[in-house]
N, C-alpha and C. Protein backbone atom coordinates (compact mmCIF):
# COMPACT_ATOMS: atom_id res chain seq x y z
N MET A 1 -33.68 -75.03 1.09
CA MET A 1 -32.14 -74.85 0.00
C MET A 1 -32.15 -73.51 0.10
N ALA A 2 -32.87 -72.63 -0.08
CA ALA A 2 -33.01 -71.06 -0.11
C ALA A 2 -32.69 -70.19 0.80
N MET A 3 -33.21 -70.95 2.34
CA MET A 3 -32.77 -70.58 3.35
C MET A 3 -31.08 -70.53 3.50
N ALA A 4 -30.48 -71.98 3.20
CA ALA A 4 -29.20 -72.54 3.56
C ALA A 4 -28.17 -71.44 2.83
N LEU A 5 -28.80 -71.23 1.66
CA LEU A 5 -27.80 -69.99 0.45
C LEU A 5 -27.79 -68.89 1.31
N GLN A 6 -28.76 -68.56 1.95
CA GLN A 6 -29.14 -67.25 2.48
C GLN A 6 -28.25 -67.12 3.59
N GLN A 7 -28.12 -68.10 4.48
CA GLN A 7 -27.29 -68.18 5.38
C GLN A 7 -25.93 -68.29 5.14
N ARG A 8 -25.29 -68.59 4.05
CA ARG A 8 -24.14 -68.67 3.74
C ARG A 8 -23.90 -67.50 2.91
N TRP A 9 -24.60 -66.83 2.78
CA TRP A 9 -24.16 -65.61 2.00
C TRP A 9 -23.89 -64.50 2.86
N SER A 10 -24.69 -64.63 3.98
CA SER A 10 -25.00 -63.67 4.96
C SER A 10 -23.55 -63.47 5.81
N CYS A 11 -22.83 -64.99 5.96
CA CYS A 11 -21.67 -65.56 6.69
C CYS A 11 -20.66 -64.56 5.70
N SER A 12 -20.66 -65.29 4.34
CA SER A 12 -19.41 -64.55 3.75
C SER A 12 -19.55 -62.87 3.81
N TRP A 13 -20.29 -62.28 3.31
CA TRP A 13 -20.50 -61.00 3.32
C TRP A 13 -21.85 -60.19 4.26
N PRO A 14 -20.94 -60.05 5.47
CA PRO A 14 -21.73 -59.61 6.37
C PRO A 14 -22.88 -58.44 6.57
N TRP A 15 -22.36 -57.64 5.22
CA TRP A 15 -22.98 -56.39 5.06
C TRP A 15 -24.28 -56.43 4.01
N ILE A 16 -24.31 -57.74 3.67
CA ILE A 16 -25.93 -57.92 2.91
C ILE A 16 -26.81 -58.30 4.16
N ALA A 17 -27.94 -57.37 3.87
CA ALA A 17 -28.85 -57.39 5.00
C ALA A 17 -29.59 -58.85 4.77
N THR A 18 -30.15 -59.47 5.78
CA THR A 18 -31.37 -60.58 5.38
C THR A 18 -32.22 -60.47 6.29
N PRO A 19 -33.34 -60.90 5.65
CA PRO A 19 -34.51 -60.50 6.58
C PRO A 19 -34.33 -60.44 7.79
N GLY A 20 -35.26 -59.04 8.66
CA GLY A 20 -34.95 -59.16 9.82
C GLY A 20 -33.52 -58.78 10.94
N ASP A 21 -32.78 -58.95 9.74
CA ASP A 21 -31.52 -58.34 10.24
C ASP A 21 -31.49 -56.22 10.52
N GLY A 22 -32.23 -55.73 9.54
CA GLY A 22 -32.24 -54.13 10.32
C GLY A 22 -31.01 -53.71 9.80
N ASP A 23 -30.86 -52.62 10.82
CA ASP A 23 -29.65 -51.76 10.95
C ASP A 23 -28.58 -52.30 11.42
N ALA A 24 -28.55 -53.61 11.79
CA ALA A 24 -27.06 -54.28 12.53
C ALA A 24 -26.73 -54.62 11.29
N ALA A 25 -27.03 -54.93 10.40
CA ALA A 25 -26.49 -55.35 8.93
C ALA A 25 -25.84 -54.62 8.19
N LEU A 26 -26.72 -53.19 8.49
CA LEU A 26 -25.48 -52.21 7.48
C LEU A 26 -24.79 -51.24 8.29
N SER A 27 -24.79 -51.41 10.04
CA SER A 27 -23.84 -51.22 10.45
C SER A 27 -22.51 -51.87 10.27
N SER A 28 -22.76 -53.00 9.65
CA SER A 28 -21.67 -53.88 9.54
C SER A 28 -20.67 -53.82 8.51
N ARG A 29 -21.53 -52.92 7.31
CA ARG A 29 -20.59 -53.11 5.91
C ARG A 29 -19.25 -51.57 6.26
N PRO A 30 -18.55 -52.40 5.36
CA PRO A 30 -17.24 -51.71 5.27
C PRO A 30 -17.07 -50.32 4.90
N ARG A 31 -16.51 -49.58 5.92
CA ARG A 31 -16.47 -47.99 5.35
C ARG A 31 -15.34 -47.86 5.03
N ARG A 32 -15.15 -46.95 3.70
CA ARG A 32 -14.04 -46.21 3.34
C ARG A 32 -13.55 -45.27 4.29
N GLN A 33 -11.96 -45.84 4.78
CA GLN A 33 -11.27 -44.94 5.45
C GLN A 33 -10.93 -43.63 4.72
N ARG A 34 -10.97 -42.53 5.99
CA ARG A 34 -10.17 -41.18 5.49
C ARG A 34 -8.64 -41.17 5.73
N PRO A 35 -8.65 -40.59 4.31
CA PRO A 35 -6.79 -40.78 4.40
C PRO A 35 -6.22 -39.98 5.88
N PRO A 36 -4.74 -40.38 6.33
CA PRO A 36 -4.38 -39.72 7.73
C PRO A 36 -3.91 -38.72 6.83
N ARG A 37 -4.01 -37.84 8.24
CA ARG A 37 -3.53 -36.23 8.31
C ARG A 37 -2.04 -36.24 8.15
N VAL A 38 -1.48 -35.39 7.32
CA VAL A 38 -0.11 -35.17 7.58
C VAL A 38 0.31 -34.17 8.08
N ASP A 39 1.40 -34.98 8.74
CA ASP A 39 1.99 -34.22 9.98
C ASP A 39 3.48 -33.80 9.59
N LEU A 40 3.53 -32.63 8.89
CA LEU A 40 4.55 -31.82 8.47
C LEU A 40 6.06 -31.86 9.08
N ARG A 41 5.52 -30.96 10.51
CA ARG A 41 6.68 -30.86 11.53
C ARG A 41 7.25 -32.15 11.78
N ARG A 42 6.78 -33.45 11.68
CA ARG A 42 7.19 -34.72 11.94
C ARG A 42 8.30 -35.08 10.71
N LEU A 43 7.66 -35.11 9.28
CA LEU A 43 8.06 -35.50 8.10
C LEU A 43 9.42 -34.70 8.08
N LEU A 44 9.59 -33.11 8.25
CA LEU A 44 10.49 -32.59 8.24
C LEU A 44 11.45 -32.37 9.15
N ASP A 45 11.39 -33.07 10.66
CA ASP A 45 12.16 -32.76 11.58
C ASP A 45 13.73 -33.68 11.24
N ARG A 46 14.58 -32.94 11.77
CA ARG A 46 15.83 -33.86 11.73
C ARG A 46 16.51 -33.25 12.92
N ALA A 47 17.73 -34.06 13.02
CA ALA A 47 18.60 -33.44 14.11
C ALA A 47 19.60 -32.17 13.42
N ALA A 48 19.58 -31.07 14.41
CA ALA A 48 20.31 -30.15 14.53
C ALA A 48 21.83 -30.40 13.37
N VAL A 49 21.80 -29.37 12.69
CA VAL A 49 23.64 -29.44 11.95
C VAL A 49 24.50 -29.06 12.48
N ALA A 50 25.63 -29.40 12.80
CA ALA A 50 26.53 -28.75 13.24
C ALA A 50 27.32 -28.19 12.37
N ASN A 51 28.01 -26.91 12.86
CA ASN A 51 28.99 -26.32 12.12
C ASN A 51 28.99 -26.08 10.75
N SER A 52 27.32 -25.49 10.59
CA SER A 52 27.17 -25.41 9.48
C SER A 52 27.13 -23.85 9.01
N GLU A 53 27.11 -23.51 8.01
CA GLU A 53 26.76 -21.98 7.48
C GLU A 53 25.64 -21.21 8.10
N SER A 54 25.65 -20.19 8.44
CA SER A 54 24.71 -19.58 8.92
C SER A 54 23.61 -19.32 7.90
N ALA A 55 22.20 -18.89 8.42
CA ALA A 55 21.33 -18.84 7.49
C ALA A 55 21.32 -17.92 6.36
N SER A 56 21.66 -16.43 6.97
CA SER A 56 22.27 -15.36 6.07
C SER A 56 23.14 -15.71 4.77
N ALA A 57 24.22 -16.99 5.35
CA ALA A 57 24.91 -17.13 4.45
C ALA A 57 24.40 -18.33 3.44
N VAL A 58 23.37 -19.03 3.93
CA VAL A 58 22.94 -19.89 2.76
C VAL A 58 22.02 -19.28 1.66
N GLN A 59 21.28 -17.97 2.43
CA GLN A 59 20.17 -17.36 1.69
C GLN A 59 21.13 -16.64 0.37
N ASP A 60 22.60 -15.99 0.77
CA ASP A 60 23.29 -15.61 0.04
C ASP A 60 23.76 -16.81 -1.18
N ASN A 61 23.83 -17.87 -0.93
CA ASN A 61 23.98 -18.63 -2.00
C ASN A 61 22.83 -19.30 -2.73
N ALA A 62 21.97 -18.40 -2.55
CA ALA A 62 20.46 -19.03 -3.20
C ALA A 62 20.74 -19.07 -4.65
N LYS A 63 21.14 -18.25 -5.23
CA LYS A 63 21.44 -18.15 -6.82
C LYS A 63 22.28 -19.24 -7.18
N VAL A 64 23.37 -19.42 -6.90
CA VAL A 64 24.32 -20.44 -6.91
C VAL A 64 24.35 -22.00 -7.05
N TRP A 65 23.58 -22.24 -6.00
CA TRP A 65 23.60 -23.94 -5.69
C TRP A 65 22.77 -24.73 -6.72
N LEU A 66 21.53 -24.25 -7.54
CA LEU A 66 20.84 -24.45 -8.65
C LEU A 66 21.57 -24.66 -9.94
N PRO A 67 21.45 -25.09 -10.78
CA PRO A 67 21.68 -24.65 -12.11
C PRO A 67 20.74 -23.86 -12.51
N SER A 68 21.88 -22.83 -13.30
CA SER A 68 21.20 -21.62 -13.88
C SER A 68 20.06 -21.85 -14.98
N PRO A 69 18.84 -21.56 -14.99
CA PRO A 69 17.69 -21.46 -15.42
C PRO A 69 18.00 -21.07 -16.91
N PRO A 70 17.32 -21.42 -18.02
CA PRO A 70 17.87 -21.40 -19.51
C PRO A 70 16.69 -19.74 -19.47
N PRO A 71 17.20 -18.62 -20.56
CA PRO A 71 16.68 -18.04 -20.75
C PRO A 71 15.10 -17.92 -20.82
N VAL A 72 14.08 -17.87 -19.94
CA VAL A 72 12.98 -17.98 -20.56
C VAL A 72 12.02 -16.68 -19.77
N GLU A 73 11.95 -15.80 -20.80
CA GLU A 73 11.44 -14.27 -20.02
C GLU A 73 9.91 -14.64 -19.59
N ARG A 74 8.95 -15.61 -20.38
CA ARG A 74 7.46 -15.36 -20.19
C ARG A 74 7.66 -17.07 -20.11
N PRO A 75 7.50 -17.65 -19.46
CA PRO A 75 7.74 -19.30 -18.86
C PRO A 75 6.21 -19.60 -19.71
N ARG A 76 4.94 -18.66 -19.22
CA ARG A 76 3.65 -19.16 -18.84
C ARG A 76 3.53 -18.88 -20.60
N ALA A 77 3.91 -18.26 -21.36
CA ALA A 77 3.73 -18.25 -23.19
C ALA A 77 4.35 -19.18 -23.79
N VAL A 78 5.41 -19.72 -23.42
CA VAL A 78 6.29 -20.82 -23.83
C VAL A 78 6.10 -22.12 -23.65
N HIS A 79 5.86 -22.53 -22.28
CA HIS A 79 5.53 -23.75 -21.34
C HIS A 79 3.91 -24.21 -21.61
N ASN A 80 3.27 -25.37 -21.06
CA ASN A 80 2.29 -25.21 -20.25
C ASN A 80 2.50 -25.76 -19.06
N ALA A 81 1.35 -25.73 -18.22
CA ALA A 81 1.48 -25.98 -16.74
C ALA A 81 1.92 -27.54 -17.07
N ALA A 82 1.95 -28.37 -17.12
CA ALA A 82 2.54 -29.85 -17.41
C ALA A 82 4.26 -29.48 -17.35
N SER A 83 4.38 -28.93 -18.31
CA SER A 83 5.95 -29.01 -18.47
C SER A 83 6.91 -28.02 -17.37
N LEU A 84 5.92 -27.24 -16.65
CA LEU A 84 6.64 -26.61 -15.55
C LEU A 84 6.63 -27.43 -14.06
N ALA A 85 5.53 -28.09 -14.18
CA ALA A 85 5.42 -29.23 -13.37
C ALA A 85 6.68 -30.24 -13.38
N TYR A 86 6.79 -30.95 -14.32
CA TYR A 86 7.41 -31.45 -14.47
C TYR A 86 9.13 -31.25 -14.55
N LEU A 87 9.29 -29.97 -14.22
CA LEU A 87 10.69 -29.17 -14.12
C LEU A 87 10.68 -29.16 -12.30
N GLY A 88 9.70 -28.77 -12.20
CA GLY A 88 9.41 -28.41 -10.41
C GLY A 88 9.16 -29.63 -9.56
N ASP A 89 8.86 -30.60 -10.60
CA ASP A 89 8.87 -31.89 -9.20
C ASP A 89 10.54 -32.27 -8.96
N SER A 90 11.34 -32.11 -10.52
CA SER A 90 12.93 -32.36 -9.99
C SER A 90 13.46 -31.28 -9.37
N ILE A 91 13.23 -30.04 -8.94
CA ILE A 91 13.55 -29.22 -8.40
C ILE A 91 13.23 -29.34 -6.74
N TYR A 92 11.96 -29.70 -6.77
CA TYR A 92 11.49 -29.83 -5.58
C TYR A 92 11.97 -30.93 -4.37
N GLU A 93 12.39 -32.11 -5.42
CA GLU A 93 13.04 -33.26 -4.64
C GLU A 93 14.70 -33.33 -4.53
N VAL A 94 15.43 -32.33 -5.03
CA VAL A 94 16.93 -32.05 -5.09
C VAL A 94 16.57 -31.10 -3.81
N TYR A 95 15.75 -30.34 -3.35
CA TYR A 95 15.65 -29.73 -1.98
C TYR A 95 15.55 -30.72 -1.09
N VAL A 96 14.00 -31.60 -0.84
CA VAL A 96 14.33 -32.46 -0.01
C VAL A 96 15.36 -33.27 0.43
N ARG A 97 15.97 -33.62 -0.71
CA ARG A 97 17.45 -34.54 -0.60
C ARG A 97 18.28 -33.60 -0.05
N ARG A 98 18.41 -32.77 -0.46
CA ARG A 98 19.37 -31.57 0.34
C ARG A 98 18.92 -31.62 1.74
N HIS A 99 18.08 -31.54 2.07
CA HIS A 99 17.32 -31.55 3.66
C HIS A 99 17.82 -32.50 4.47
N PHE A 100 18.02 -33.34 4.32
CA PHE A 100 18.07 -34.70 4.61
C PHE A 100 19.46 -35.10 5.05
N LEU A 101 20.29 -34.53 3.95
CA LEU A 101 22.00 -35.37 3.26
C LEU A 101 22.38 -34.73 5.40
N THR A 102 22.42 -33.87 5.47
CA THR A 102 23.40 -34.19 7.04
C THR A 102 22.11 -33.81 8.06
N PRO A 103 22.15 -34.27 9.44
CA PRO A 103 23.68 -35.60 9.44
C PRO A 103 23.62 -36.57 8.64
N PRO A 104 24.52 -37.29 8.54
CA PRO A 104 24.37 -38.42 8.32
C PRO A 104 23.74 -39.44 8.47
N GLN A 105 23.26 -40.53 7.62
CA GLN A 105 22.31 -41.44 7.94
C GLN A 105 22.24 -42.64 6.55
N ASN A 106 21.98 -43.76 7.09
CA ASN A 106 22.16 -44.83 6.23
C ASN A 106 21.42 -44.31 4.81
N VAL A 107 21.39 -45.05 3.77
CA VAL A 107 20.73 -45.08 2.48
C VAL A 107 19.20 -45.38 2.78
N ASP A 108 19.20 -46.49 3.41
CA ASP A 108 17.52 -47.02 4.02
C ASP A 108 17.02 -45.56 4.37
N SER A 109 17.54 -45.28 5.35
CA SER A 109 16.70 -44.30 6.37
C SER A 109 16.86 -43.02 5.78
N TYR A 110 17.52 -42.88 4.49
CA TYR A 110 17.59 -41.52 3.90
C TYR A 110 16.54 -41.29 2.57
N ASN A 111 16.22 -42.56 2.33
CA ASN A 111 15.42 -42.72 1.27
C ASN A 111 13.83 -42.66 1.75
N LYS A 112 14.09 -43.24 2.81
CA LYS A 112 12.36 -43.44 3.53
C LYS A 112 12.13 -41.95 3.78
N ARG A 113 13.09 -40.83 4.44
CA ARG A 113 12.37 -39.70 4.70
C ARG A 113 12.04 -38.94 3.97
N VAL A 114 13.05 -39.13 2.36
CA VAL A 114 12.66 -38.34 1.42
C VAL A 114 11.50 -38.70 0.81
N MET A 115 11.56 -39.89 0.38
CA MET A 115 9.95 -40.69 -0.02
C MET A 115 8.85 -40.11 0.61
N SER A 116 9.16 -39.77 1.69
CA SER A 116 7.46 -39.39 3.02
C SER A 116 6.86 -38.11 2.48
N LEU A 117 8.24 -37.46 1.82
CA LEU A 117 7.97 -36.09 1.62
C LEU A 117 7.74 -35.74 -0.07
N VAL A 118 8.07 -36.55 -1.23
CA VAL A 118 8.13 -36.43 -2.46
C VAL A 118 6.77 -37.23 -3.23
N CYS A 119 5.66 -37.11 -2.18
CA CYS A 119 4.51 -37.95 -2.34
C CYS A 119 3.34 -36.43 -2.35
N CYS A 120 2.42 -36.97 -3.47
CA CYS A 120 0.97 -36.02 -3.35
C CYS A 120 0.38 -35.28 -2.24
N GLU A 121 0.63 -36.29 -1.03
CA GLU A 121 -0.37 -35.67 0.31
C GLU A 121 0.62 -34.67 1.20
N ALA A 122 2.19 -35.03 0.85
CA ALA A 122 2.74 -33.95 1.67
C ALA A 122 2.63 -32.89 0.94
N GLN A 123 2.53 -32.60 -0.33
CA GLN A 123 2.97 -31.14 -1.10
C GLN A 123 1.15 -30.75 -1.31
N ASP A 124 0.47 -31.85 -1.20
CA ASP A 124 -1.00 -31.12 -0.89
C ASP A 124 -0.77 -30.18 0.55
N ALA A 125 -0.17 -30.86 1.66
CA ALA A 125 -0.36 -29.95 2.58
C ALA A 125 0.56 -28.93 3.09
N MET A 126 1.79 -28.64 2.22
CA MET A 126 2.49 -27.53 1.99
C MET A 126 1.78 -26.68 1.36
N LEU A 127 1.13 -26.88 0.48
CA LEU A 127 0.39 -26.08 -0.86
C LEU A 127 -0.74 -25.30 0.42
N GLN A 128 -1.38 -25.97 0.93
CA GLN A 128 -2.70 -25.55 1.50
C GLN A 128 -1.84 -24.68 2.82
N GLN A 129 -1.04 -25.15 3.53
CA GLN A 129 -0.39 -24.10 4.48
C GLN A 129 0.56 -22.67 4.00
N LEU A 130 0.67 -22.83 2.55
CA LEU A 130 1.15 -21.93 1.95
C LEU A 130 -0.27 -20.75 1.89
N LEU A 131 -1.34 -21.61 1.49
CA LEU A 131 -2.12 -20.51 1.29
C LEU A 131 -2.87 -20.12 2.17
N LYS A 132 -2.92 -20.89 3.15
CA LYS A 132 -3.52 -20.22 4.64
C LYS A 132 -2.94 -19.09 5.50
N CYS A 133 -1.60 -19.06 5.03
CA CYS A 133 -0.60 -17.81 5.83
C CYS A 133 -0.67 -16.82 5.06
N ASN A 134 -1.26 -16.61 4.22
CA ASN A 134 -1.23 -15.60 2.91
C ASN A 134 0.53 -15.25 2.59
N PHE A 135 1.02 -16.05 2.11
CA PHE A 135 2.37 -15.89 1.99
C PHE A 135 2.39 -15.76 0.46
N LEU A 136 1.57 -16.38 -0.72
CA LEU A 136 2.20 -16.29 -1.79
C LEU A 136 1.59 -14.99 -2.45
N THR A 137 1.83 -14.40 -3.55
CA THR A 137 1.61 -13.29 -4.20
C THR A 137 0.66 -13.77 -5.02
N ASP A 138 -0.35 -12.66 -5.00
CA ASP A 138 -1.40 -12.78 -6.33
C ASP A 138 -0.68 -13.41 -7.80
N GLU A 139 0.00 -12.98 -8.12
CA GLU A 139 0.65 -13.77 -9.12
C GLU A 139 1.02 -15.16 -9.04
N GLU A 140 1.74 -15.39 -7.89
CA GLU A 140 2.01 -16.98 -7.36
C GLU A 140 0.51 -17.70 -7.39
N ARG A 141 -0.41 -17.18 -6.84
CA ARG A 141 -1.64 -18.16 -6.68
C ARG A 141 -2.58 -18.02 -8.13
N ASP A 142 -2.08 -17.12 -8.39
CA ASP A 142 -2.64 -17.70 -10.46
C ASP A 142 -1.98 -18.80 -11.22
N VAL A 143 -0.52 -19.06 -10.71
CA VAL A 143 0.22 -20.07 -11.26
C VAL A 143 -0.30 -21.33 -10.88
N VAL A 144 -0.62 -21.24 -9.22
CA VAL A 144 -1.35 -22.03 -8.59
C VAL A 144 -2.58 -22.90 -9.28
N ARG A 145 -3.57 -21.59 -9.53
CA ARG A 145 -4.62 -22.08 -9.95
C ARG A 145 -4.55 -22.87 -11.13
N TRP A 146 -3.51 -22.09 -12.50
CA TRP A 146 -3.31 -22.55 -13.45
C TRP A 146 -2.32 -24.15 -13.26
N GLY A 147 -1.93 -24.55 -12.43
CA GLY A 147 -1.45 -25.77 -11.89
C GLY A 147 -2.24 -26.82 -11.55
N LYS A 148 -3.38 -26.69 -11.01
CA LYS A 148 -4.33 -27.33 -10.57
C LYS A 148 -5.20 -27.97 -11.91
N ASN A 149 -4.86 -27.41 -13.07
CA ASN A 149 -5.78 -28.13 -13.93
C ASN A 149 -5.28 -28.54 -15.30
N ILE A 150 -3.92 -29.80 -14.61
CA ILE A 150 -2.95 -30.03 -15.20
C ILE A 150 -3.65 -31.48 -15.41
N ASP A 151 -3.60 -32.50 -16.20
CA ASP A 151 -3.92 -33.67 -16.34
C ASP A 151 -2.96 -34.94 -17.26
N THR A 152 -2.25 -35.32 -16.21
CA THR A 152 -1.24 -35.77 -16.72
C THR A 152 -0.96 -37.25 -17.11
N GLY A 153 -2.55 -38.11 -16.41
CA GLY A 153 -2.62 -39.42 -16.75
C GLY A 153 -2.30 -40.19 -15.79
N GLN A 154 -1.55 -39.50 -14.69
CA GLN A 154 -0.98 -40.43 -13.60
C GLN A 154 -2.57 -41.10 -12.79
N ARG A 155 -3.22 -42.00 -13.12
CA ARG A 155 -4.22 -42.60 -12.39
C ARG A 155 -4.07 -43.06 -11.19
N ARG A 156 -2.50 -44.04 -11.15
CA ARG A 156 -2.39 -44.53 -9.82
C ARG A 156 -2.55 -43.62 -8.74
N ALA A 157 -1.45 -42.61 -8.55
CA ALA A 157 -0.98 -41.60 -7.77
C ALA A 157 -2.43 -40.73 -7.10
N SER A 158 -3.58 -40.66 -8.49
CA SER A 158 -4.43 -40.06 -8.10
C SER A 158 -5.69 -40.84 -7.70
N ARG A 159 -5.53 -41.62 -7.64
CA ARG A 159 -6.71 -42.77 -7.01
C ARG A 159 -6.34 -43.00 -5.25
N ARG A 160 -4.69 -43.33 -5.08
CA ARG A 160 -4.05 -43.29 -4.09
C ARG A 160 -4.79 -42.31 -3.13
N ALA A 161 -4.24 -40.88 -3.35
CA ALA A 161 -4.30 -39.75 -2.77
C ALA A 161 -5.59 -39.04 -2.68
N GLY A 162 -6.48 -38.98 -3.88
CA GLY A 162 -7.35 -38.49 -4.09
C GLY A 162 -7.39 -37.27 -4.97
N SER A 163 -8.36 -36.97 -6.07
CA SER A 163 -8.29 -35.91 -6.91
C SER A 163 -7.40 -34.44 -6.51
N LYS A 164 -8.18 -34.27 -5.58
CA LYS A 164 -7.99 -32.72 -5.06
C LYS A 164 -6.51 -33.24 -4.34
N ALA A 165 -6.30 -33.57 -3.67
CA ALA A 165 -4.25 -34.11 -3.23
C ALA A 165 -3.68 -33.71 -4.51
N TYR A 166 -4.04 -34.33 -5.27
CA TYR A 166 -3.31 -34.87 -6.70
C TYR A 166 -2.69 -33.40 -7.39
N SER A 167 -4.14 -32.84 -7.69
CA SER A 167 -4.38 -31.60 -8.23
C SER A 167 -3.41 -30.62 -7.31
N SER A 168 -3.33 -30.45 -6.09
CA SER A 168 -2.68 -29.39 -5.36
C SER A 168 -1.14 -29.54 -5.56
N ALA A 169 -1.05 -31.13 -5.31
CA ALA A 169 0.99 -31.30 -5.69
C ALA A 169 1.00 -31.19 -6.86
N SER A 170 0.33 -30.96 -8.14
CA SER A 170 0.76 -30.74 -9.48
C SER A 170 1.35 -28.98 -9.43
N ALA A 171 0.09 -28.28 -8.80
CA ALA A 171 0.33 -27.05 -8.42
C ALA A 171 1.18 -26.49 -7.74
N LEU A 172 1.92 -27.01 -6.92
CA LEU A 172 2.70 -26.48 -6.41
C LEU A 172 3.75 -27.11 -6.74
N GLU A 173 4.20 -27.95 -7.53
CA GLU A 173 5.28 -28.34 -8.65
C GLU A 173 5.27 -27.20 -9.89
N THR A 174 4.12 -27.05 -10.06
CA THR A 174 4.36 -25.82 -11.36
C THR A 174 4.61 -24.40 -10.87
N LEU A 175 4.28 -24.05 -9.47
CA LEU A 175 5.09 -23.07 -9.00
C LEU A 175 6.25 -23.06 -8.85
N ILE A 176 6.87 -24.07 -8.26
CA ILE A 176 8.11 -24.33 -7.82
C ILE A 176 8.81 -24.18 -9.47
N GLY A 177 8.22 -24.83 -10.45
CA GLY A 177 9.31 -24.76 -11.70
C GLY A 177 8.91 -23.27 -12.51
N TYR A 178 8.07 -22.42 -12.21
CA TYR A 178 7.60 -21.26 -12.79
C TYR A 178 8.99 -20.07 -11.76
N LEU A 179 8.90 -20.35 -10.72
CA LEU A 179 9.67 -19.92 -10.06
C LEU A 179 11.74 -19.73 -10.24
N TYR A 180 11.42 -21.07 -10.71
CA TYR A 180 12.77 -21.45 -10.84
C TYR A 180 13.21 -20.77 -11.76
N LEU A 181 12.25 -20.81 -12.85
CA LEU A 181 12.86 -19.88 -14.07
C LEU A 181 12.92 -18.45 -14.38
N THR A 182 11.76 -17.76 -13.09
CA THR A 182 11.89 -16.41 -13.20
C THR A 182 12.69 -15.67 -11.88
N ASN A 183 12.24 -16.67 -10.36
CA ASN A 183 13.06 -15.76 -9.70
C ASN A 183 13.70 -16.63 -8.32
N GLN A 184 14.82 -17.11 -8.51
CA GLN A 184 15.09 -18.00 -7.54
C GLN A 184 15.28 -17.76 -6.18
N GLU A 185 15.50 -16.34 -5.99
CA GLU A 185 15.85 -16.00 -4.60
C GLU A 185 14.25 -16.24 -4.17
N ARG A 186 12.88 -15.76 -4.92
CA ARG A 186 12.03 -16.07 -4.34
C ARG A 186 11.66 -17.57 -3.84
N LEU A 187 12.15 -18.53 -5.14
CA LEU A 187 12.28 -19.77 -4.88
C LEU A 187 12.71 -20.47 -2.91
N GLU A 188 13.70 -19.90 -3.51
CA GLU A 188 14.96 -20.17 -1.78
C GLU A 188 13.90 -19.66 -0.81
N GLU A 189 13.32 -18.31 -1.16
CA GLU A 189 12.60 -17.95 0.15
C GLU A 189 11.10 -18.90 0.66
N LEU A 190 10.55 -19.24 -0.46
CA LEU A 190 9.33 -20.21 -0.44
C LEU A 190 9.54 -21.60 0.14
N MET A 191 10.85 -22.00 -0.11
CA MET A 191 11.22 -23.61 0.49
C MET A 191 11.69 -23.25 1.61
N THR A 192 12.66 -22.38 1.98
CA THR A 192 12.43 -22.11 3.45
C THR A 192 11.32 -21.76 4.35
N LYS A 193 10.44 -21.21 3.79
CA LYS A 193 9.16 -21.01 4.30
C LYS A 193 8.84 -22.33 4.89
N VAL A 194 8.61 -23.29 3.83
CA VAL A 194 8.12 -24.36 4.02
C VAL A 194 8.47 -25.54 5.03
N GLY A 195 10.08 -24.88 5.28
CA GLY A 195 10.44 -25.78 6.26
C GLY A 195 12.10 -26.46 6.00
N PHE A 196 12.60 -26.47 4.48
CA PHE A 196 13.43 -26.96 4.29
C PHE A 196 14.79 -25.80 4.35
N ASN A 197 15.51 -26.60 5.02
CA ASN A 197 16.95 -25.76 5.68
C ASN A 197 18.22 -26.96 5.33
N VAL A 198 19.23 -26.06 5.37
CA VAL A 198 20.71 -26.60 5.57
C VAL A 198 21.17 -26.25 6.77
N ASP A 199 21.12 -25.17 7.30
CA ASP A 199 21.69 -24.72 8.51
C ASP A 199 21.73 -25.47 9.90
N SER A 200 19.91 -25.41 10.03
CA SER A 200 19.47 -25.66 11.62
C SER A 200 18.17 -26.73 11.50
N ASN A 201 17.66 -27.08 12.59
CA ASN A 201 16.45 -27.64 12.94
C ASN A 201 15.34 -26.33 12.81
N SER A 202 15.42 -25.31 12.42
CA SER A 202 14.72 -24.07 12.79
C SER A 202 13.50 -24.05 13.28
N LEU A 203 12.99 -23.40 13.85
CA LEU A 203 11.20 -23.14 14.28
C LEU A 203 10.74 -22.89 13.01
N LEU A 204 10.82 -22.67 11.95
CA LEU A 204 10.09 -22.69 10.90
C LEU A 204 10.12 -24.10 10.01
N ILE A 205 10.54 -25.14 10.75
CA ILE A 205 10.22 -26.25 10.15
C ILE A 205 8.74 -26.52 10.29
N GLY A 206 7.96 -27.11 9.60
CA GLY A 206 6.36 -27.88 9.67
C GLY A 206 5.70 -26.23 10.19
N PHE A 207 5.66 -25.15 9.40
CA PHE A 207 5.33 -24.31 9.23
C PHE A 207 5.05 -23.24 10.65
N GLY A 208 6.02 -23.19 11.22
CA GLY A 208 5.93 -22.23 12.69
C GLY A 208 5.80 -20.78 12.37
N PHE A 209 5.60 -20.76 11.81
CA PHE A 209 6.07 -18.55 11.51
C PHE A 209 4.63 -18.50 12.36
N GLN A 210 4.79 -16.89 12.78
CA GLN A 210 3.86 -16.64 13.86
C GLN A 210 2.95 -15.67 13.18
N THR A 211 3.13 -15.15 11.94
CA THR A 211 2.30 -14.45 11.27
C THR A 211 1.82 -14.72 10.04
N ALA A 212 1.00 -13.77 9.55
CA ALA A 212 0.01 -14.07 7.77
C ALA A 212 0.19 -13.08 7.27
N ASP A 213 1.10 -12.17 7.31
CA ASP A 213 1.24 -10.79 6.89
C ASP A 213 2.29 -10.93 6.07
N LYS A 214 2.13 -10.57 4.50
CA LYS A 214 3.02 -10.54 3.38
C LYS A 214 4.10 -9.67 3.85
N SER A 215 4.14 -8.88 3.99
CA SER A 215 5.52 -7.94 4.55
C SER A 215 5.93 -8.20 5.38
N SER A 216 5.87 -9.58 6.20
CA SER A 216 6.66 -9.98 7.01
C SER A 216 7.54 -11.24 6.47
N SER A 217 6.79 -11.52 5.58
CA SER A 217 7.66 -12.65 5.10
C SER A 217 9.20 -12.53 4.02
């Protein structure tokens, strides 16, 4: 009877070792798979936009295409990091939607492209690239560290992407919210650096920049 139960268990749960199985049973134990690597170049890629404004003209319009921010001289003294991340999340999505608006496509395709970038994994990859290429100033890096300590209670997203990726995504949103309130020109520069454009499918998409020197950014 005991032998029959043991055989039935070993069939139902093959990773449960039975006498004499040794390493063979252990090797069949299910292993947690690592999350796939985020390919930002592929996610940001789109067809070139014809008859659009030049890059310089787009840069000149950086101050006016977003709503004017409220007059907050010292955002970190007035608001906590979660508040700035909440604001930055909406600003970030506006950039993503603008990026994919042209050339025209159906709503399902449009929404699929947008959703692939408004997730923890993509935002984490963007922040890691910004840090790696030494683009951020010391002040901006300090805001990033501040934003990584946010605990918003979003357990579902944290479980899916991992706590590290979720913290990085919150940090990027905090930085975006902070720059929106303090320096929209710098915000536009940062978002262009990570590959969000309205003029063409430029070489910047997917972090194709050639230098890590701040002075060249």
